[in-house]
Amino acid sequence: MEILRIIEKNIINITNANNDINTDMLKKNIKSYFEKIADKENVNNMKRDKYYEKIENKRVEQNINYDSYLREKTKLMETFKNDKTKTALHNYLKLKPPKYDNLTLYSYLDIKIKEDKPIAKQENKPDAKKLDKCTPAKKAECEKKGKKCNPDSGRCVKADKPDAKEEDKPAAKEDKCTEAKKAECEKKGKKCNPDSGRCIKK
């Protein structure tokens, strides 16, 4: 290990030195070394526990079940040899071997330890459509631009034109055609344009 080489170098420097050397770094490296040893031992213990739980205990259980199956099969065969009946043969053939998992690991060192990731709690999020993304500052900014803030996007958009009220509607245009002008246009075979007061073709 790299840390052991560092410790060895520290010790050699201390041994060869003619004056006092600060040993804090050496103490720190030695502490780090034993911490790594402890961490490795913890990982090995976890591997060992997982190996016995998932592999070895299951292998022992399978062996016990298979031995029981062989004893029962032998017993049924003896019964069939003695009785020579269809029922005895049927019972012998009906007995199936237990399910046997192919457990190929034989050492806890081959076990891989994966850290379980914590499951994030799923909080009930409010409906995105109901969230108003317009802050007071954003609303003020939009108003300065003559726009309004869209609560869904938080962006400034053109303000919708309000429905025109009766009092806001422009007054009816003045008819510039006097009775005299209308008569004049009639004589010319034309009609009077109320907007301009001129005679135009009918």
N, C-alpha and C. Protein backbone atom coordinates (compact mmCIF):
# COMPACT_ATOMS: atom_id res chain seq x y z
N MET A 1 0.83 -1.20 0.00
CA MET A 1 0.00 0.00 0.00
C MET A 1 0.87 1.25 0.00
N GLU A 2 0.36 2.29 -0.67
CA GLU A 2 1.11 3.54 -0.78
C GLU A 2 1.35 4.16 0.59
N ILE A 3 0.37 4.07 1.47
CA ILE A 3 0.52 4.69 2.78
C ILE A 3 1.62 4.03 3.61
N LEU A 4 1.83 2.72 3.42
CA LEU A 4 2.91 2.03 4.14
C LEU A 4 4.27 2.52 3.67
N ARG A 5 4.39 2.79 2.38
CA ARG A 5 5.66 3.32 1.86
C ARG A 5 5.93 4.72 2.43
N ILE A 6 4.86 5.50 2.59
CA ILE A 6 5.02 6.84 3.16
C ILE A 6 5.47 6.74 4.62
N ILE A 7 4.85 5.82 5.36
CA ILE A 7 5.23 5.63 6.78
C ILE A 7 6.68 5.19 6.88
N GLU A 8 7.06 4.24 6.01
CA GLU A 8 8.44 3.76 6.01
C GLU A 8 9.42 4.89 5.73
N LYS A 9 9.08 5.75 4.78
CA LYS A 9 9.95 6.88 4.45
C LYS A 9 10.07 7.83 5.63
N ASN A 10 8.96 8.08 6.33
CA ASN A 10 8.98 8.95 7.51
C ASN A 10 9.91 8.39 8.59
N ILE A 11 9.83 7.09 8.82
CA ILE A 11 10.65 6.45 9.86
C ILE A 11 12.13 6.53 9.50
N ILE A 12 12.44 6.30 8.21
CA ILE A 12 13.84 6.38 7.76
C ILE A 12 14.38 7.80 7.95
N ASN A 13 13.56 8.80 7.62
CA ASN A 13 13.98 10.19 7.78
C ASN A 13 14.25 10.53 9.24
N ILE A 14 13.38 10.02 10.12
CA ILE A 14 13.57 10.27 11.55
C ILE A 14 14.84 9.58 12.05
N THR A 15 15.07 8.36 11.59
CA THR A 15 16.24 7.58 12.03
C THR A 15 17.54 8.23 11.57
N ASN A 16 17.54 8.74 10.34
CA ASN A 16 18.77 9.32 9.78
C ASN A 16 18.99 10.77 10.19
N ALA A 17 18.00 11.38 10.79
CA ALA A 17 18.11 12.80 11.12
C ALA A 17 19.00 13.02 12.34
N ASN A 18 19.79 14.08 12.30
CA ASN A 18 20.64 14.43 13.42
C ASN A 18 19.91 15.34 14.42
N ASN A 19 18.83 15.94 13.94
CA ASN A 19 18.07 16.82 14.83
C ASN A 19 16.64 16.31 14.97
N ASP A 20 15.90 16.94 15.84
CA ASP A 20 14.53 16.52 16.09
C ASP A 20 13.65 16.81 14.87
N ILE A 21 12.72 15.90 14.58
CA ILE A 21 11.79 16.05 13.46
C ILE A 21 10.37 16.01 14.01
N ASN A 22 9.51 16.85 13.48
CA ASN A 22 8.11 16.86 13.89
C ASN A 22 7.45 15.55 13.43
N THR A 23 6.95 14.81 14.37
CA THR A 23 6.39 13.48 14.07
C THR A 23 4.88 13.51 13.82
N ASP A 24 4.30 14.71 13.73
CA ASP A 24 2.85 14.79 13.53
C ASP A 24 2.41 14.10 12.24
N MET A 25 3.20 14.30 11.16
CA MET A 25 2.84 13.69 9.88
C MET A 25 2.88 12.16 9.97
N LEU A 26 3.88 11.64 10.68
CA LEU A 26 3.98 10.19 10.86
C LEU A 26 2.78 9.65 11.61
N LYS A 27 2.41 10.33 12.69
CA LYS A 27 1.26 9.91 13.49
C LYS A 27 -0.02 9.93 12.64
N LYS A 28 -0.12 10.98 11.83
CA LYS A 28 -1.30 11.10 10.96
C LYS A 28 -1.38 9.96 9.95
N ASN A 29 -0.24 9.62 9.36
CA ASN A 29 -0.20 8.52 8.37
C ASN A 29 -0.51 7.18 9.02
N ILE A 30 0.02 6.96 10.22
CA ILE A 30 -0.24 5.70 10.92
C ILE A 30 -1.73 5.59 11.25
N LYS A 31 -2.31 6.69 11.71
CA LYS A 31 -3.75 6.70 12.01
C LYS A 31 -4.56 6.41 10.75
N SER A 32 -4.17 7.04 9.63
CA SER A 32 -4.87 6.82 8.37
C SER A 32 -4.77 5.36 7.92
N TYR A 33 -3.59 4.76 8.15
CA TYR A 33 -3.38 3.36 7.78
C TYR A 33 -4.35 2.44 8.54
N PHE A 34 -4.44 2.63 9.85
CA PHE A 34 -5.31 1.77 10.66
C PHE A 34 -6.79 2.02 10.37
N GLU A 35 -7.12 3.26 9.98
CA GLU A 35 -8.50 3.55 9.59
C GLU A 35 -8.86 2.79 8.31
N LYS A 36 -7.90 2.75 7.37
CA LYS A 36 -8.15 2.01 6.13
C LYS A 36 -8.27 0.50 6.39
N ILE A 37 -7.44 0.01 7.31
CA ILE A 37 -7.53 -1.41 7.68
C ILE A 37 -8.90 -1.71 8.28
N ALA A 38 -9.37 -0.80 9.15
CA ALA A 38 -10.68 -0.99 9.80
C ALA A 38 -11.80 -0.94 8.76
N ASP A 39 -11.69 0.00 7.81
CA ASP A 39 -12.71 0.10 6.76
C ASP A 39 -12.76 -1.17 5.91
N LYS A 40 -11.59 -1.70 5.59
CA LYS A 40 -11.53 -2.93 4.79
C LYS A 40 -12.14 -4.09 5.55
N GLU A 41 -11.89 -4.15 6.87
CA GLU A 41 -12.45 -5.22 7.69
C GLU A 41 -13.98 -5.11 7.75
N ASN A 42 -14.46 -3.87 7.83
CA ASN A 42 -15.91 -3.67 7.84
C ASN A 42 -16.55 -4.14 6.54
N VAL A 43 -15.89 -3.84 5.43
CA VAL A 43 -16.39 -4.29 4.13
C VAL A 43 -16.38 -5.81 4.05
N ASN A 44 -15.30 -6.43 4.53
CA ASN A 44 -15.22 -7.89 4.51
C ASN A 44 -16.30 -8.52 5.38
N ASN A 45 -16.60 -7.89 6.52
CA ASN A 45 -17.67 -8.40 7.39
C ASN A 45 -19.01 -8.32 6.68
N MET A 46 -19.24 -7.21 5.97
CA MET A 46 -20.48 -7.07 5.21
C MET A 46 -20.57 -8.12 4.10
N LYS A 47 -19.45 -8.35 3.43
CA LYS A 47 -19.41 -9.38 2.38
C LYS A 47 -19.69 -10.76 2.97
N ARG A 48 -19.07 -11.03 4.13
CA ARG A 48 -19.24 -12.32 4.78
C ARG A 48 -20.69 -12.55 5.18
N ASP A 49 -21.31 -11.51 5.75
CA ASP A 49 -22.72 -11.63 6.15
C ASP A 49 -23.62 -11.88 4.94
N LYS A 50 -23.35 -11.14 3.89
CA LYS A 50 -24.17 -11.29 2.68
C LYS A 50 -23.96 -12.66 2.05
N TYR A 51 -22.72 -13.15 2.09
CA TYR A 51 -22.41 -14.46 1.52
C TYR A 51 -23.19 -15.56 2.25
N TYR A 52 -23.18 -15.51 3.59
CA TYR A 52 -23.89 -16.55 4.35
C TYR A 52 -25.40 -16.44 4.16
N GLU A 53 -25.88 -15.20 4.08
CA GLU A 53 -27.32 -15.00 3.92
C GLU A 53 -27.81 -15.46 2.55
N LYS A 54 -27.10 -15.06 1.50
CA LYS A 54 -27.57 -15.32 0.13
C LYS A 54 -27.06 -16.63 -0.47
N ILE A 55 -25.89 -17.10 -0.02
CA ILE A 55 -25.26 -18.25 -0.69
C ILE A 55 -25.15 -19.47 0.23
N GLU A 56 -24.34 -19.35 1.26
CA GLU A 56 -24.00 -20.52 2.07
C GLU A 56 -25.22 -21.13 2.76
N ASN A 57 -26.03 -20.30 3.40
CA ASN A 57 -27.22 -20.84 4.08
C ASN A 57 -28.17 -21.50 3.09
N LYS A 58 -28.30 -20.90 1.92
CA LYS A 58 -29.17 -21.47 0.90
C LYS A 58 -28.59 -22.78 0.36
N ARG A 59 -27.25 -22.83 0.24
CA ARG A 59 -26.61 -24.06 -0.23
C ARG A 59 -26.83 -25.20 0.78
N VAL A 60 -26.69 -24.91 2.05
CA VAL A 60 -26.93 -25.92 3.10
C VAL A 60 -28.37 -26.40 3.06
N GLU A 61 -29.31 -25.45 2.91
CA GLU A 61 -30.73 -25.80 2.84
C GLU A 61 -31.02 -26.68 1.63
N GLN A 62 -30.42 -26.34 0.50
CA GLN A 62 -30.61 -27.15 -0.71
C GLN A 62 -30.07 -28.56 -0.53
N ASN A 63 -28.92 -28.68 0.10
CA ASN A 63 -28.33 -30.00 0.33
C ASN A 63 -29.21 -30.85 1.23
N ILE A 64 -29.77 -30.22 2.27
CA ILE A 64 -30.67 -30.95 3.18
C ILE A 64 -31.92 -31.41 2.43
N ASN A 65 -32.51 -30.51 1.63
CA ASN A 65 -33.71 -30.86 0.87
C ASN A 65 -33.42 -31.97 -0.15
N TYR A 66 -32.25 -31.92 -0.76
CA TYR A 66 -31.91 -32.94 -1.75
C TYR A 66 -31.67 -34.31 -1.09
N ASP A 67 -31.04 -34.30 0.08
CA ASP A 67 -30.84 -35.55 0.82
C ASP A 67 -32.17 -36.17 1.22
N SER A 68 -33.10 -35.31 1.64
CA SER A 68 -34.44 -35.79 2.00
C SER A 68 -35.15 -36.38 0.78
N TYR A 69 -34.97 -35.72 -0.34
CA TYR A 69 -35.57 -36.21 -1.58
C TYR A 69 -35.00 -37.59 -1.95
N LEU A 70 -33.68 -37.76 -1.84
CA LEU A 70 -33.05 -39.04 -2.19
C LEU A 70 -33.54 -40.16 -1.25
N ARG A 71 -33.67 -39.84 0.04
CA ARG A 71 -34.16 -40.87 0.99
C ARG A 71 -35.59 -41.27 0.66
N GLU A 72 -36.43 -40.27 0.35
CA GLU A 72 -37.83 -40.57 0.03
C GLU A 72 -37.94 -41.34 -1.29
N LYS A 73 -37.10 -40.99 -2.24
CA LYS A 73 -37.11 -41.68 -3.54
C LYS A 73 -36.70 -43.14 -3.36
N THR A 74 -35.67 -43.36 -2.55
CA THR A 74 -35.21 -44.74 -2.28
C THR A 74 -36.30 -45.55 -1.59
N LYS A 75 -36.97 -44.91 -0.66
CA LYS A 75 -38.06 -45.58 0.07
C LYS A 75 -39.20 -45.97 -0.87
N LEU A 76 -39.57 -45.07 -1.79
CA LEU A 76 -40.63 -45.35 -2.75
C LEU A 76 -40.23 -46.44 -3.72
N MET A 77 -38.95 -46.49 -4.08
CA MET A 77 -38.46 -47.55 -4.97
C MET A 77 -38.57 -48.91 -4.28
N GLU A 78 -38.21 -48.97 -3.00
CA GLU A 78 -38.32 -50.23 -2.24
C GLU A 78 -39.77 -50.69 -2.16
N THR A 79 -40.67 -49.70 -1.96
CA THR A 79 -42.10 -50.04 -1.89
C THR A 79 -42.57 -50.60 -3.23
N PHE A 80 -42.15 -50.00 -4.32
CA PHE A 80 -42.54 -50.48 -5.64
C PHE A 80 -41.98 -51.89 -5.90
N LYS A 81 -40.74 -52.15 -5.49
CA LYS A 81 -40.13 -53.48 -5.68
C LYS A 81 -40.90 -54.54 -4.92
N ASN A 82 -41.39 -54.17 -3.72
CA ASN A 82 -42.10 -55.14 -2.90
C ASN A 82 -43.54 -55.33 -3.36
N ASP A 83 -44.23 -54.20 -3.65
CA ASP A 83 -45.66 -54.29 -3.98
C ASP A 83 -45.90 -54.55 -5.46
N LYS A 84 -45.05 -53.98 -6.32
CA LYS A 84 -45.21 -54.10 -7.77
C LYS A 84 -46.61 -53.68 -8.21
N THR A 85 -47.09 -52.55 -7.70
CA THR A 85 -48.41 -52.04 -8.07
C THR A 85 -48.26 -50.74 -8.86
N LYS A 86 -49.33 -50.42 -9.60
CA LYS A 86 -49.32 -49.16 -10.36
C LYS A 86 -49.27 -47.96 -9.42
N THR A 87 -49.93 -48.08 -8.29
CA THR A 87 -49.95 -46.96 -7.33
C THR A 87 -48.55 -46.68 -6.81
N ALA A 88 -47.81 -47.76 -6.48
CA ALA A 88 -46.44 -47.59 -5.99
C ALA A 88 -45.55 -46.96 -7.06
N LEU A 89 -45.74 -47.41 -8.32
CA LEU A 89 -44.96 -46.83 -9.43
C LEU A 89 -45.33 -45.36 -9.63
N HIS A 90 -46.63 -45.09 -9.55
CA HIS A 90 -47.09 -43.71 -9.72
C HIS A 90 -46.49 -42.80 -8.64
N ASN A 91 -46.48 -43.28 -7.41
CA ASN A 91 -45.92 -42.49 -6.30
C ASN A 91 -44.43 -42.25 -6.49
N TYR A 92 -43.75 -43.25 -7.01
CA TYR A 92 -42.31 -43.12 -7.25
C TYR A 92 -42.03 -42.07 -8.34
N LEU A 93 -42.80 -42.15 -9.44
CA LEU A 93 -42.60 -41.23 -10.55
C LEU A 93 -43.09 -39.81 -10.23
N LYS A 94 -44.09 -39.71 -9.37
CA LYS A 94 -44.67 -38.41 -9.04
C LYS A 94 -43.74 -37.55 -8.20
N LEU A 95 -42.86 -38.16 -7.43
CA LEU A 95 -41.97 -37.40 -6.55
C LEU A 95 -40.89 -36.70 -7.40
N LYS A 96 -40.94 -35.38 -7.40
CA LYS A 96 -40.01 -34.60 -8.19
C LYS A 96 -38.89 -34.04 -7.31
N PRO A 97 -37.71 -33.86 -7.87
CA PRO A 97 -36.60 -33.30 -7.08
C PRO A 97 -36.88 -31.84 -6.73
N PRO A 98 -36.35 -31.37 -5.63
CA PRO A 98 -36.57 -29.97 -5.25
C PRO A 98 -35.88 -29.03 -6.21
N LYS A 99 -36.36 -27.80 -6.25
CA LYS A 99 -35.71 -26.80 -7.10
C LYS A 99 -34.31 -26.55 -6.57
N TYR A 100 -33.39 -26.50 -7.51
CA TYR A 100 -31.97 -26.41 -7.14
C TYR A 100 -31.34 -25.22 -7.83
N ASP A 101 -31.01 -24.17 -7.06
CA ASP A 101 -30.34 -23.01 -7.62
C ASP A 101 -28.86 -23.30 -7.81
N ASN A 102 -28.32 -22.84 -8.92
CA ASN A 102 -26.91 -23.05 -9.20
C ASN A 102 -26.08 -21.98 -8.47
N LEU A 103 -25.62 -22.32 -7.27
CA LEU A 103 -24.85 -21.38 -6.44
C LEU A 103 -23.37 -21.60 -6.70
N THR A 104 -22.78 -20.72 -7.48
CA THR A 104 -21.40 -20.94 -7.93
C THR A 104 -20.36 -20.25 -7.05
N LEU A 105 -20.78 -19.36 -6.16
CA LEU A 105 -19.80 -18.67 -5.30
C LEU A 105 -19.43 -19.54 -4.11
N TYR A 106 -18.13 -19.57 -3.82
CA TYR A 106 -17.65 -20.37 -2.68
C TYR A 106 -16.78 -19.55 -1.74
N SER A 107 -16.71 -18.25 -1.95
CA SER A 107 -15.91 -17.39 -1.08
C SER A 107 -16.60 -16.05 -0.92
N TYR A 108 -16.62 -15.55 0.31
CA TYR A 108 -17.26 -14.25 0.56
C TYR A 108 -16.50 -13.11 -0.12
N LEU A 109 -15.23 -13.35 -0.48
CA LEU A 109 -14.44 -12.31 -1.13
C LEU A 109 -14.96 -11.98 -2.53
N ASP A 110 -15.73 -12.91 -3.12
CA ASP A 110 -16.29 -12.68 -4.45
C ASP A 110 -17.61 -11.91 -4.42
N ILE A 111 -18.11 -11.66 -3.22
CA ILE A 111 -19.37 -10.94 -3.08
C ILE A 111 -19.13 -9.46 -3.36
N LYS A 112 -20.04 -8.85 -4.10
CA LYS A 112 -19.95 -7.42 -4.36
C LYS A 112 -20.94 -6.68 -3.47
N ILE A 113 -20.45 -5.65 -2.84
CA ILE A 113 -21.29 -4.84 -1.96
C ILE A 113 -21.66 -3.56 -2.69
N LYS A 114 -22.94 -3.34 -2.80
CA LYS A 114 -23.42 -2.09 -3.39
C LYS A 114 -24.16 -1.32 -2.32
N GLU A 115 -23.83 -0.04 -2.23
CA GLU A 115 -24.52 0.79 -1.25
C GLU A 115 -25.92 1.08 -1.75
N ASP A 116 -26.88 0.81 -0.86
CA ASP A 116 -28.27 1.07 -1.21
C ASP A 116 -28.52 2.57 -1.22
N LYS A 117 -29.06 3.04 -2.32
CA LYS A 117 -29.37 4.47 -2.42
C LYS A 117 -30.69 4.73 -1.72
N PRO A 118 -30.73 5.76 -0.89
CA PRO A 118 -31.99 6.07 -0.21
C PRO A 118 -33.07 6.45 -1.20
N ILE A 119 -34.25 5.96 -0.95
CA ILE A 119 -35.37 6.25 -1.84
C ILE A 119 -35.91 7.62 -1.50
N ALA A 120 -35.89 8.48 -2.49
CA ALA A 120 -36.37 9.85 -2.27
C ALA A 120 -37.87 9.83 -2.07
N LYS A 121 -38.30 10.52 -1.03
CA LYS A 121 -39.74 10.59 -0.76
C LYS A 121 -40.41 11.42 -1.84
N GLN A 122 -41.50 10.88 -2.34
CA GLN A 122 -42.23 11.58 -3.39
C GLN A 122 -43.30 12.44 -2.73
N GLU A 123 -43.05 13.74 -2.74
CA GLU A 123 -44.00 14.65 -2.15
C GLU A 123 -45.06 15.01 -3.18
N ASN A 124 -46.25 15.20 -2.67
CA ASN A 124 -47.34 15.59 -3.56
C ASN A 124 -47.11 17.02 -4.02
N LYS A 125 -46.72 17.16 -5.27
CA LYS A 125 -46.43 18.48 -5.81
C LYS A 125 -47.73 19.15 -6.22
N PRO A 126 -47.86 20.44 -5.93
CA PRO A 126 -49.08 21.14 -6.36
C PRO A 126 -49.15 21.22 -7.87
N ASP A 127 -50.34 21.38 -8.36
CA ASP A 127 -50.55 21.46 -9.80
C ASP A 127 -49.75 22.63 -10.36
N ALA A 128 -48.91 22.32 -11.37
CA ALA A 128 -48.04 23.36 -11.93
C ALA A 128 -48.85 24.52 -12.48
N LYS A 129 -50.05 24.25 -12.98
CA LYS A 129 -50.85 25.30 -13.58
C LYS A 129 -51.30 26.33 -12.53
N LYS A 130 -51.38 25.91 -11.28
CA LYS A 130 -51.85 26.80 -10.23
C LYS A 130 -50.74 27.64 -9.63
N LEU A 131 -49.50 27.34 -9.98
CA LEU A 131 -48.39 28.11 -9.45
C LEU A 131 -48.27 29.43 -10.19
N ASP A 132 -48.28 30.52 -9.44
CA ASP A 132 -48.13 31.84 -10.03
C ASP A 132 -46.65 32.20 -10.03
N LYS A 133 -46.05 32.23 -11.21
CA LYS A 133 -44.62 32.50 -11.34
C LYS A 133 -44.31 34.00 -11.41
N CYS A 134 -45.31 34.81 -11.24
CA CYS A 134 -45.11 36.26 -11.32
C CYS A 134 -44.84 36.83 -9.93
N THR A 135 -43.62 37.24 -9.71
CA THR A 135 -43.27 37.90 -8.45
C THR A 135 -43.71 39.36 -8.54
N PRO A 136 -43.84 40.03 -7.40
CA PRO A 136 -44.21 41.46 -7.44
C PRO A 136 -43.25 42.28 -8.29
N ALA A 137 -41.95 41.96 -8.20
CA ALA A 137 -40.95 42.69 -8.98
C ALA A 137 -41.17 42.47 -10.48
N LYS A 138 -41.51 41.22 -10.85
CA LYS A 138 -41.73 40.90 -12.26
C LYS A 138 -42.98 41.61 -12.79
N LYS A 139 -44.01 41.68 -11.95
CA LYS A 139 -45.24 42.35 -12.36
C LYS A 139 -44.97 43.83 -12.62
N ALA A 140 -44.17 44.45 -11.71
CA ALA A 140 -43.84 45.87 -11.87
C ALA A 140 -43.03 46.09 -13.15
N GLU A 141 -42.10 45.16 -13.42
CA GLU A 141 -41.26 45.27 -14.63
C GLU A 141 -42.13 45.20 -15.89
N CYS A 142 -43.10 44.29 -15.88
CA CYS A 142 -43.98 44.14 -17.05
C CYS A 142 -44.87 45.36 -17.23
N GLU A 143 -45.33 45.93 -16.12
CA GLU A 143 -46.20 47.10 -16.20
C GLU A 143 -45.46 48.28 -16.82
N LYS A 144 -44.16 48.41 -16.47
CA LYS A 144 -43.35 49.50 -17.05
C LYS A 144 -43.24 49.37 -18.56
N LYS A 145 -43.26 48.11 -19.05
CA LYS A 145 -43.16 47.86 -20.49
C LYS A 145 -44.52 47.92 -21.18
N GLY A 146 -45.58 48.23 -20.40
CA GLY A 146 -46.92 48.26 -20.97
C GLY A 146 -47.44 46.87 -21.25
N LYS A 147 -46.91 45.88 -20.51
CA LYS A 147 -47.33 44.49 -20.69
C LYS A 147 -47.82 43.95 -19.36
N LYS A 148 -48.17 42.67 -19.36
CA LYS A 148 -48.56 42.03 -18.11
C LYS A 148 -47.78 40.73 -17.95
N CYS A 149 -47.68 40.26 -16.71
CA CYS A 149 -46.90 39.04 -16.42
C CYS A 149 -47.78 37.81 -16.58
N ASN A 150 -47.27 36.82 -17.34
CA ASN A 150 -47.99 35.56 -17.52
C ASN A 150 -47.72 34.68 -16.31
N PRO A 151 -48.76 34.32 -15.52
CA PRO A 151 -48.53 33.54 -14.30
C PRO A 151 -48.00 32.13 -14.55
N ASP A 152 -48.20 31.60 -15.76
CA ASP A 152 -47.72 30.24 -16.07
C ASP A 152 -46.23 30.23 -16.40
N SER A 153 -45.79 31.27 -17.16
CA SER A 153 -44.39 31.29 -17.61
C SER A 153 -43.53 32.28 -16.86
N GLY A 154 -44.16 33.29 -16.23
CA GLY A 154 -43.39 34.32 -15.53
C GLY A 154 -42.78 35.34 -16.49
N ARG A 155 -43.26 35.36 -17.75
CA ARG A 155 -42.72 36.28 -18.75
C ARG A 155 -43.69 37.42 -19.00
N CYS A 156 -43.13 38.51 -19.53
CA CYS A 156 -43.97 39.66 -19.88
C CYS A 156 -44.61 39.41 -21.25
N VAL A 157 -45.92 39.56 -21.30
CA VAL A 157 -46.64 39.35 -22.56
C VAL A 157 -47.51 40.57 -22.82
N LYS A 158 -47.96 40.70 -24.07
CA LYS A 158 -48.82 41.83 -24.42
C LYS A 158 -50.12 41.73 -23.65
N ALA A 159 -50.55 42.88 -23.13
CA ALA A 159 -51.80 42.91 -22.37
C ALA A 159 -52.98 42.75 -23.33
N ASP A 160 -53.95 41.94 -22.93
CA ASP A 160 -55.16 41.79 -23.76
C ASP A 160 -55.94 43.10 -23.75
N LYS A 161 -56.46 43.49 -24.92
CA LYS A 161 -57.25 44.70 -24.98
C LYS A 161 -58.59 44.47 -24.30
N PRO A 162 -58.97 45.34 -23.36
CA PRO A 162 -60.26 45.15 -22.67
C PRO A 162 -61.41 45.36 -23.64
N ASP A 163 -62.51 44.73 -23.30
CA ASP A 163 -63.70 44.87 -24.15
C ASP A 163 -64.13 46.33 -24.15
N ALA A 164 -64.39 46.84 -25.33
CA ALA A 164 -64.78 48.24 -25.46
C ALA A 164 -66.14 48.46 -24.84
N LYS A 165 -66.23 49.43 -23.95
CA LYS A 165 -67.50 49.77 -23.33
C LYS A 165 -68.24 50.74 -24.25
N GLU A 166 -69.51 50.85 -23.99
CA GLU A 166 -70.32 51.71 -24.84
C GLU A 166 -69.80 53.14 -24.85
N GLU A 167 -69.38 53.62 -23.61
CA GLU A 167 -68.92 55.00 -23.55
C GLU A 167 -67.56 55.19 -24.19
N ASP A 168 -66.78 54.07 -24.30
CA ASP A 168 -65.46 54.18 -24.89
C ASP A 168 -65.48 54.13 -26.42
N LYS A 169 -66.60 53.68 -26.99
CA LYS A 169 -66.68 53.54 -28.44
C LYS A 169 -66.69 54.92 -29.09
N PRO A 170 -66.01 55.06 -30.24
CA PRO A 170 -65.98 56.37 -30.91
C PRO A 170 -67.36 56.78 -31.38
N ALA A 171 -67.62 58.07 -31.36
CA ALA A 171 -68.94 58.58 -31.79
C ALA A 171 -69.11 58.35 -33.29
N ALA A 172 -70.35 58.32 -33.70
CA ALA A 172 -70.66 58.12 -35.12
C ALA A 172 -70.07 59.27 -35.94
N LYS A 173 -69.53 58.91 -37.12
CA LYS A 173 -68.89 59.92 -37.97
C LYS A 173 -69.92 60.94 -38.47
N GLU A 174 -69.44 62.18 -38.56
CA GLU A 174 -70.32 63.27 -39.01
C GLU A 174 -70.59 63.12 -40.50
N ASP A 175 -71.85 63.26 -40.89
CA ASP A 175 -72.25 63.18 -42.29
C ASP A 175 -71.98 64.54 -42.94
N LYS A 176 -71.00 64.56 -43.85
CA LYS A 176 -70.60 65.83 -44.48
C LYS A 176 -71.46 66.20 -45.70
N CYS A 177 -72.45 65.39 -45.95
CA CYS A 177 -73.31 65.66 -47.09
C CYS A 177 -74.53 66.51 -46.64
N THR A 178 -74.51 67.76 -47.05
CA THR A 178 -75.66 68.63 -46.78
C THR A 178 -76.73 68.34 -47.81
N GLU A 179 -77.92 68.86 -47.55
CA GLU A 179 -79.02 68.63 -48.49
C GLU A 179 -78.70 69.26 -49.85
N ALA A 180 -78.01 70.40 -49.76
CA ALA A 180 -77.65 71.09 -51.01
C ALA A 180 -76.63 70.28 -51.80
N LYS A 181 -75.66 69.67 -51.06
CA LYS A 181 -74.64 68.88 -51.73
C LYS A 181 -75.23 67.64 -52.36
N LYS A 182 -76.18 67.02 -51.64
CA LYS A 182 -76.83 65.82 -52.16
C LYS A 182 -77.56 66.16 -53.46
N ALA A 183 -78.24 67.32 -53.48
CA ALA A 183 -79.00 67.73 -54.67
C ALA A 183 -78.05 67.99 -55.84
N GLU A 184 -76.89 68.61 -55.50
CA GLU A 184 -75.89 68.88 -56.53
C GLU A 184 -75.38 67.60 -57.16
N CYS A 185 -75.09 66.63 -56.30
CA CYS A 185 -74.57 65.33 -56.79
C CYS A 185 -75.62 64.62 -57.62
N GLU A 186 -76.89 64.73 -57.22
CA GLU A 186 -77.97 64.07 -57.94
C GLU A 186 -78.06 64.62 -59.36
N LYS A 187 -77.88 65.93 -59.50
CA LYS A 187 -77.94 66.56 -60.83
C LYS A 187 -76.83 66.03 -61.73
N LYS A 188 -75.67 65.68 -61.11
CA LYS A 188 -74.53 65.17 -61.90
C LYS A 188 -74.61 63.65 -62.11
N GLY A 189 -75.68 63.04 -61.61
CA GLY A 189 -75.82 61.58 -61.74
C GLY A 189 -74.89 60.82 -60.80
N LYS A 190 -74.54 61.46 -59.71
CA LYS A 190 -73.65 60.84 -58.73
C LYS A 190 -74.31 60.85 -57.36
N LYS A 191 -73.57 60.41 -56.36
CA LYS A 191 -74.07 60.46 -54.99
C LYS A 191 -73.02 61.10 -54.10
N CYS A 192 -73.48 61.61 -52.97
CA CYS A 192 -72.57 62.30 -52.05
C CYS A 192 -71.94 61.31 -51.08
N ASN A 193 -70.59 61.41 -50.92
CA ASN A 193 -69.86 60.57 -49.98
C ASN A 193 -69.96 61.21 -48.60
N PRO A 194 -70.61 60.55 -47.62
CA PRO A 194 -70.82 61.18 -46.31
C PRO A 194 -69.49 61.45 -45.57
N ASP A 195 -68.41 60.69 -45.89
CA ASP A 195 -67.14 60.89 -45.19
C ASP A 195 -66.41 62.12 -45.72
N SER A 196 -66.43 62.29 -47.06
CA SER A 196 -65.69 63.40 -47.66
C SER A 196 -66.55 64.57 -48.09
N GLY A 197 -67.85 64.33 -48.29
CA GLY A 197 -68.75 65.40 -48.76
C GLY A 197 -68.60 65.65 -50.25
N ARG A 198 -67.95 64.71 -50.97
CA ARG A 198 -67.74 64.88 -52.41
C ARG A 198 -68.71 64.00 -53.18
N CYS A 199 -68.89 64.38 -54.43
CA CYS A 199 -69.74 63.60 -55.31
C CYS A 199 -68.94 62.44 -55.90
N ILE A 200 -69.45 61.25 -55.76
CA ILE A 200 -68.76 60.05 -56.29
C ILE A 200 -69.74 59.26 -57.14
N LYS A 201 -69.18 58.36 -57.90
CA LYS A 201 -70.02 57.54 -58.77
C LYS A 201 -70.92 56.65 -57.89
N LYS A 202 -72.15 56.46 -58.43
CA LYS A 202 -73.06 55.60 -57.71
C LYS A 202 -72.65 54.15 -57.81
